[in-house]
Structures are given as C-alpha cells and as structure tokens.
Amino acid sequence: MSFTRFFRLPLELRHHVYRSYFSALNLTYPHLGPSPLLLSSRRLHSEASPSYWENVRFNFKGTKQLVDFLTSIDHETLCKLRHIAVRGFPFPVYRDPDAYGYSTYAFNDILPLFPGLQLSTLWVGDPFHGKWSTEDGWGHNASYSAIDDFIKCQGFKELVYVVENDRFLKRVRFENSNSWSVTNATDSTSGTWEPNIRYPQPSTWDAMMKERDGTTASVEMCRLLDDGNRRVPLDTEFETIQHATGNGDEGQIEVRIKRGTNADHAQKGGLVREWDHGLRDLFKEFTWKEIKEKELYVEAEDCPTAHL
C-alpha cells in the first residue's frame, strides 16, 4: 500500500491523524498485537509508534493480567503508556517461599513497582461489589480505603474508580470474627464499629486532594444511571440508594480523582504505606515469572473478598 500522498501532508497534521486513529482503539490483553496501520509501512511504523502507546486504551481483566503486561515491556515503553483500564482485584502473595501465610495487597500497592508510569487516565473497576462478588463489610471497607489511598498515589493524572453501588460509603459494624455485617448497621447497638470512619464525600476527598496538589486538583463523585448514560453529580454527601431513582435502579458510583495542573504525577516508586515494602522486596528478589512459578502469587479473582 502506497502512502505517498499521505506523507506529503505536514508532519503536524499527520500526527493529528495518528492521535485521532489510535485514541479510538480499545485493546484488551492479551490481544494487544500491533495495529494493522503500523504494519503497513516502515516509515509509518517509525513515525506513528509513539502515538500508538500514548493514545490507545489498554484494557485488562484484572490486576494479575496488568502485572503480566507491565513486566513484559521495557521501561521506555512503560513511560509512554497513557490510558489503562483494569478491574482492581487484590494482590495476595507469599512474601517469601518459606512464609506460613500470604499477605494481601491492594491494587494501588502495585503501582510503585513500576517507576516511570505516568498515565493520563487510569480507570479502575471495583471488584468487591456487584453480581460477580460476594458483598460484605470487608469489601465495603476495602473499596472506601482504596479511594483514600489513591489520593496519595502517583502514576496517573486522572483516576476513575467505579463501584457497582453506594454501600461502601456506609460505615459497618464488626459483628464477629468472620464478617462485617451491614444489616441495620446504623441502628444496631451490638458489635464494634470498624475503625475506618466514613466522612461526607466527595467533599472530604476533594479537600485531601487540594491539600496535596492545590486548588486545581479535585475529587468528584456522581451516580451513573440508565446504563451510564445519565450522570447525577453528588456535590457534598452521598445520597442513599433509596433516593436514587423511582425505578429501583440505584446506579453505579463513579469517583473521579484529578491531580493538580502542575503536579508531577509520574510514579517514583515511593510507598503509600511502610507495610508495602514486603511486596517491593519480593519483586526485587524474584522476577514476576519466578513468583508465579514458585506459586507465591495467590489467585484472587474468583472471590476477592475472601482474601481481605
């Protein structure tokens, strides 16, 4: 195929074409082969490749698949990635081959493993709510804590966290050693309140983000209704599901975290929590391939709340 006429266009216009073409692509791992456009001409491949990594949205079934991909590419390519969507399953691992039990890390704990990551958008689907999950208080707490921690994270300019319902926004009681019950949690006098207090949202998260990055940073929250076609902003404090709609559609909750305009959002490898050094030390001692071969990674996708 000849691109003679195309290459007569100004370079700036050609790059605009590349951006428009690649930004419309959604590729799902492991089917991330090169675009047919890049295979059509050596010159075009050389000229358009940077735009490919910077504009395509790469989708991943879960955390494990994302780690598979990020550990398979070189650092230069990793730094070019701009758009990733993933379901943020927990990440359970044995911290060494002789460990008696495994430790479960949150999705955001893997981000410091990849210094240089500087996404424009990171879309994370919550794994603890919805028809595919066994909902319980452990999952509610994990979802709420994840947003708290993402506000402290690096590696993205904008993060979108989507939860199937708003039940994670309600504080729960620890009723026994096996679960956190949310039944009549507000009225119950038995049990012990979980330590993670719920605050008015998104106003509290927004204040945290502005304290970190300045007034241009923000955290917004909305309810997605009619299969995501209608967005209802939640300005100060979340609505209860009973007031969502009149047709029983409680809607998903979308939390959008935006870093400040001049914030350095590139991942530096710093830990959000000191406890996370165990995961970093594991990846320093073994490659991801070795971790899987030694069965140090524990599958968590079938029942994510069971590993919390």
Protein backbone atom coordinates (compact mmCIF):
# COMPACT_ATOMS: atom_id res chain seq x y z
CA MET A 1 0.00 0.00 0.00
CA SER A 2 1.36 3.41 -1.00
CA PHE A 3 1.27 6.33 1.44
CA THR A 4 2.96 8.81 -0.89
CA ARG A 5 0.11 11.32 -0.76
CA PHE A 6 -0.29 10.92 2.99
CA PHE A 7 3.38 11.72 3.62
CA ARG A 8 3.00 14.91 1.62
CA LEU A 9 0.86 16.24 4.44
CA PRO A 10 2.64 18.39 7.06
CA LEU A 11 4.09 16.33 9.92
CA GLU A 12 1.88 18.09 12.46
CA LEU A 13 -1.24 17.10 10.53
CA ARG A 14 -0.03 13.50 10.20
CA HIS A 15 0.43 13.31 13.96
CA HIS A 16 -3.11 14.63 14.40
CA VAL A 17 -4.33 11.75 12.20
CA TYR A 18 -2.38 9.23 14.28
CA ARG A 19 -3.80 10.58 17.54
CA SER A 20 -7.36 10.51 16.22
CA TYR A 21 -7.00 6.98 14.89
CA PHE A 22 -5.34 5.44 17.95
CA SER A 23 -7.49 7.22 20.53
CA ALA A 24 -10.48 5.33 19.11
CA LEU A 25 -8.83 1.95 19.76
CA ASN A 26 -9.67 -0.17 22.82
CA LEU A 27 -7.42 -3.21 23.02
CA THR A 28 -7.90 -6.00 25.56
CA TYR A 29 -5.00 -8.01 26.96
CA PRO A 30 -3.60 -10.43 25.80
CA HIS A 31 -4.74 -9.36 22.32
CA LEU A 32 -2.50 -6.33 22.15
CA GLY A 33 -0.82 -7.02 18.82
CA PRO A 34 0.37 -4.10 16.71
CA SER A 35 -2.25 -2.14 14.83
CA PRO A 36 -2.55 -3.01 11.11
CA LEU A 37 -1.73 0.62 10.44
CA LEU A 38 1.73 0.16 11.96
CA LEU A 39 2.40 -2.87 9.76
CA SER A 40 1.57 -1.13 6.52
CA SER A 41 4.78 0.89 6.12
CA ARG A 42 8.18 1.03 7.80
CA ARG A 43 8.21 4.79 7.73
CA LEU A 44 4.69 4.98 9.09
CA HIS A 45 5.59 2.48 11.83
CA SER A 46 8.55 4.60 12.91
CA GLU A 47 6.57 7.82 12.81
CA ALA A 48 3.30 6.62 14.39
CA SER A 49 4.53 4.18 17.07
CA PRO A 50 4.87 6.80 19.84
CA SER A 51 1.29 7.91 19.20
CA TYR A 52 0.13 4.29 19.44
CA TRP A 53 1.30 3.85 23.03
CA GLU A 54 0.19 7.35 24.05
CA ASN A 55 -3.39 7.16 22.75
CA VAL A 56 -4.66 3.56 22.73
CA ARG A 57 -6.68 2.46 25.76
CA PHE A 58 -5.37 -0.87 27.07
CA ASN A 59 -7.92 -2.98 28.96
CA PHE A 60 -7.12 -5.71 31.50
CA LYS A 61 -9.37 -8.28 33.11
CA GLY A 62 -7.64 -7.89 36.45
CA THR A 63 -4.55 -6.95 38.41
CA LYS A 64 -2.63 -10.12 37.51
CA GLN A 65 -3.05 -9.50 33.79
CA LEU A 66 -1.88 -5.91 34.17
CA VAL A 67 1.25 -7.05 36.01
CA ASP A 68 1.82 -9.66 33.26
CA PHE A 69 1.82 -6.86 30.71
CA LEU A 70 3.81 -4.23 32.59
CA THR A 71 6.58 -6.71 33.40
CA SER A 72 6.78 -7.77 29.74
CA ILE A 73 7.55 -4.33 28.26
CA ASP A 74 10.69 -2.25 28.54
CA HIS A 75 10.93 0.87 30.67
CA GLU A 76 10.84 3.21 27.68
CA THR A 77 7.52 1.75 26.50
CA LEU A 78 6.09 1.77 30.04
CA CYS A 79 6.78 5.50 30.28
CA LYS A 80 4.79 6.09 27.07
CA LEU A 81 1.59 4.43 28.26
CA ARG A 82 -1.23 6.90 28.86
CA HIS A 83 -4.56 5.05 29.15
CA ILE A 84 -5.25 1.86 31.14
CA ALA A 85 -8.50 0.28 32.31
CA VAL A 86 -8.44 -2.61 34.81
CA ARG A 87 -10.55 -4.32 37.43
CA GLY A 88 -8.55 -3.74 40.60
CA PHE A 89 -8.53 -7.14 42.25
CA PRO A 90 -6.50 -7.56 45.44
CA PHE A 91 -3.00 -8.96 45.05
CA PRO A 92 -2.25 -11.81 47.54
CA VAL A 93 1.33 -13.10 47.65
CA TYR A 94 3.60 -15.10 49.94
CA ARG A 95 6.38 -12.66 50.77
CA ASP A 96 8.96 -15.44 50.65
CA PRO A 97 8.95 -19.16 49.73
CA ASP A 98 9.04 -20.21 53.41
CA ALA A 99 6.22 -17.95 54.56
CA TYR A 100 3.46 -19.70 56.51
CA GLY A 101 0.71 -17.46 55.16
CA TYR A 102 0.23 -14.93 52.42
CA SER A 103 -0.25 -11.17 52.62
CA THR A 104 -2.92 -9.41 50.61
CA TYR A 105 -2.03 -6.12 48.95
CA ALA A 106 -4.45 -3.66 47.41
CA PHE A 107 -4.40 -2.85 43.71
CA ASN A 108 -2.82 0.54 44.30
CA ASP A 109 0.10 -1.17 46.08
CA ILE A 110 1.41 -2.49 42.75
CA LEU A 111 1.82 0.98 41.20
CA PRO A 112 5.14 1.75 42.98
CA LEU A 113 6.57 -1.42 41.39
CA PHE A 114 6.63 0.44 38.05
CA PRO A 115 8.60 3.71 38.33
CA GLY A 116 8.09 5.93 35.31
CA LEU A 117 4.42 5.08 34.88
CA GLN A 118 2.69 8.37 34.05
CA LEU A 119 -0.81 7.67 32.81
CA SER A 120 -3.18 10.36 31.65
CA THR A 121 -6.15 8.25 32.71
CA LEU A 122 -6.40 5.16 34.89
CA TRP A 123 -9.86 3.56 35.02
CA VAL A 124 -10.27 1.08 37.89
CA GLY A 125 -13.33 -1.12 38.31
CA ASP A 126 -14.07 -2.04 41.91
CA PRO A 127 -14.05 -5.86 42.40
CA PHE A 128 -15.92 -6.07 45.70
CA HIS A 129 -19.46 -5.13 44.66
CA GLY A 130 -21.97 -6.26 42.09
CA LYS A 131 -23.41 -9.52 40.85
CA TRP A 132 -19.99 -11.17 40.43
CA SER A 133 -18.97 -10.55 44.03
CA THR A 134 -19.97 -11.74 47.48
CA GLU A 135 -20.57 -8.39 49.15
CA ASP A 136 -19.66 -7.98 52.79
CA GLY A 137 -18.21 -5.45 55.18
CA TRP A 138 -14.65 -6.41 54.32
CA GLY A 139 -15.29 -5.43 50.72
CA HIS A 140 -17.08 -2.21 51.68
CA ASN A 141 -14.08 -1.18 53.78
CA ALA A 142 -11.60 -2.16 51.03
CA SER A 143 -13.39 -0.03 48.44
CA TYR A 144 -13.51 3.03 50.70
CA SER A 145 -9.86 2.60 51.74
CA ALA A 146 -8.80 2.22 48.10
CA ILE A 147 -10.04 5.72 47.27
CA ASP A 148 -8.31 7.13 50.37
CA ASP A 149 -5.05 5.55 49.18
CA PHE A 150 -5.41 6.51 45.51
CA ILE A 151 -5.46 10.16 46.59
CA LYS A 152 -1.92 9.62 47.94
CA CYS A 153 -0.70 7.68 44.88
CA GLN A 154 1.43 8.60 41.89
CA GLY A 155 1.40 7.25 38.35
CA PHE A 156 -1.69 8.92 36.88
CA LYS A 157 -3.03 12.36 36.07
CA GLU A 158 -6.67 11.32 36.41
CA LEU A 159 -8.17 8.23 38.03
CA VAL A 160 -11.73 6.99 37.64
CA TYR A 161 -12.92 4.47 40.24
CA VAL A 162 -16.29 2.82 39.56
CA VAL A 163 -18.27 0.86 42.18
CA GLU A 164 -21.49 -1.02 41.39
CA ASN A 165 -23.44 0.58 44.25
CA ASP A 166 -23.02 3.02 47.13
CA ARG A 167 -22.98 0.56 50.03
CA PHE A 168 -19.24 1.01 50.56
CA LEU A 169 -19.94 4.59 51.69
CA LYS A 170 -21.71 3.39 54.83
CA ARG A 171 -19.76 2.51 57.95
CA VAL A 172 -20.33 -1.04 59.18
CA ARG A 173 -20.15 -2.92 62.47
CA PHE A 174 -17.80 -5.76 63.21
CA GLU A 175 -20.28 -8.39 64.41
CA ASN A 176 -17.99 -11.45 64.64
CA SER A 177 -14.64 -12.80 63.51
CA ASN A 178 -15.91 -13.81 60.09
CA SER A 179 -17.67 -10.79 58.62
CA TRP A 180 -18.73 -7.20 58.95
CA SER A 181 -22.49 -7.10 58.90
CA VAL A 182 -24.20 -4.13 57.28
CA THR A 183 -27.71 -5.17 58.30
CA ASN A 184 -29.24 -2.29 60.29
CA ALA A 185 -25.70 -1.10 60.96
CA THR A 186 -26.86 2.43 61.71
CA ASP A 187 -29.33 1.33 64.36
CA SER A 188 -27.54 -1.68 65.79
CA THR A 189 -26.06 -1.45 69.29
CA SER A 190 -24.20 -4.76 69.12
CA GLY A 191 -20.73 -5.36 67.79
CA THR A 192 -17.92 -2.86 67.25
CA TRP A 193 -17.70 -0.09 64.69
CA GLU A 194 -14.97 -0.64 62.15
CA PRO A 195 -12.02 1.74 62.59
CA ASN A 196 -12.34 3.31 59.13
CA ILE A 197 -14.78 6.16 59.81
CA ARG A 198 -16.95 7.41 56.95
CA TYR A 199 -16.85 11.13 56.22
CA PRO A 200 -19.05 13.27 53.94
CA GLN A 201 -17.99 12.55 50.36
CA PRO A 202 -16.77 13.67 47.94
CA SER A 203 -16.11 16.88 49.92
CA THR A 204 -13.60 15.22 52.29
CA TRP A 205 -11.68 13.50 49.48
CA ASP A 206 -11.72 16.73 47.48
CA ALA A 207 -10.19 18.62 50.42
CA MET A 208 -7.49 15.93 50.76
CA MET A 209 -6.61 16.23 47.07
CA LYS A 210 -6.49 20.03 47.17
CA GLU A 211 -4.25 19.91 50.24
CA ARG A 212 -1.84 17.74 48.27
CA ASP A 213 -1.87 19.46 44.86
CA GLY A 214 -3.52 22.86 45.24
CA THR A 215 -6.81 24.33 44.13
CA THR A 216 -6.69 22.90 40.59
CA ALA A 217 -6.90 19.35 41.96
CA SER A 218 -10.29 17.82 42.62
CA VAL A 219 -12.30 14.74 43.53
CA GLU A 220 -15.76 14.49 42.01
CA MET A 221 -18.40 11.85 42.56
CA CYS A 222 -21.51 11.03 40.60
CA ARG A 223 -24.15 8.35 40.28
CA LEU A 224 -24.33 6.61 36.88
CA LEU A 225 -27.89 5.80 35.85
CA ASP A 226 -29.56 4.39 32.72
CA ASP A 227 -26.56 2.13 31.91
CA GLY A 228 -24.16 5.01 32.43
CA ASN A 229 -25.95 7.36 30.02
CA ARG A 230 -27.08 9.71 32.79
CA ARG A 231 -24.72 11.18 35.38
CA VAL A 232 -26.06 12.63 38.62
CA PRO A 233 -23.41 14.71 40.44
CA LEU A 234 -23.12 14.18 44.19
CA ASP A 235 -21.80 17.50 45.39
CA THR A 236 -21.44 17.23 49.14
CA GLU A 237 -22.54 13.97 50.70
CA PHE A 238 -23.70 10.77 49.04
CA GLU A 239 -27.39 10.11 48.58
CA THR A 240 -28.91 6.96 49.98
CA ILE A 241 -29.83 4.28 47.46
CA GLN A 242 -33.50 4.71 48.33
CA HIS A 243 -33.41 8.18 46.77
CA ALA A 244 -31.51 7.18 43.64
CA THR A 245 -34.41 6.68 41.22
CA GLY A 246 -38.03 5.69 41.29
CA ASN A 247 -37.50 2.54 39.27
CA GLY A 248 -35.19 0.70 41.68
CA ASP A 249 -32.03 1.49 39.69
CA GLU A 250 -29.56 2.51 42.37
CA GLY A 251 -26.81 3.17 39.85
CA GLN A 252 -23.06 2.84 39.92
CA ILE A 253 -20.90 5.29 41.85
CA GLU A 254 -18.08 6.95 39.92
CA VAL A 255 -15.29 8.70 41.81
CA ARG A 256 -13.02 10.85 39.64
CA ILE A 257 -9.66 11.94 41.10
CA LYS A 258 -7.81 14.70 39.23
CA ARG A 259 -4.25 15.71 40.09
CA GLY A 260 -3.32 19.38 40.16
CA THR A 261 -2.40 21.16 36.92
CA ASN A 262 1.30 21.45 37.76
CA ALA A 263 1.59 18.27 39.85
CA ASP A 264 4.33 15.81 38.95
CA HIS A 265 2.22 12.69 38.55
CA ALA A 266 4.94 10.29 37.35
CA GLN A 267 5.40 7.22 39.52
CA LYS A 268 8.59 7.50 41.57
CA GLY A 269 8.40 4.15 43.37
CA GLY A 270 7.59 5.61 46.78
CA LEU A 271 5.38 3.56 49.09
CA VAL A 272 1.95 4.72 50.20
CA ARG A 273 2.31 2.66 53.40
CA GLU A 274 5.52 1.44 55.01
CA TRP A 275 3.97 -2.04 55.28
CA ASP A 276 4.10 -2.26 51.48
CA HIS A 277 7.87 -2.76 51.48
CA GLY A 278 7.26 -6.53 51.65
CA LEU A 279 5.80 -6.51 48.15
CA ARG A 280 8.62 -4.37 46.80
CA ASP A 281 11.23 -6.63 48.41
CA LEU A 282 9.59 -9.70 46.85
CA PHE A 283 9.83 -8.18 43.37
CA LYS A 284 13.44 -7.22 43.98
CA GLU A 285 14.35 -10.81 44.89
CA PHE A 286 12.33 -12.57 42.19
CA THR A 287 11.01 -11.76 38.74
CA TRP A 288 7.25 -11.90 38.21
CA LYS A 289 7.74 -15.09 36.20
CA GLU A 290 9.62 -16.66 39.12
CA ILE A 291 6.96 -15.52 41.59
CA LYS A 292 4.31 -17.37 39.58
CA GLU A 293 6.50 -20.44 39.05
CA LYS A 294 7.17 -20.68 42.79
CA GLU A 295 3.41 -20.30 43.40
CA LEU A 296 3.95 -17.26 45.58
CA TYR A 297 1.03 -15.50 43.92
CA VAL A 298 -2.49 -16.49 45.04
CA GLU A 299 -5.37 -16.22 42.57
CA ALA A 300 -7.98 -13.80 43.93
CA GLU A 301 -10.39 -13.16 41.07
CA ASP A 302 -12.99 -15.83 41.88
CA CYS A 303 -13.76 -14.41 45.34
CA PRO A 304 -11.80 -11.21 46.03
CA THR A 305 -13.35 -10.52 49.44
CA ALA A 306 -12.14 -13.91 50.73
CA HIS A 307 -8.54 -12.65 50.56
CA LEU A 308 -9.02 -9.44 52.55
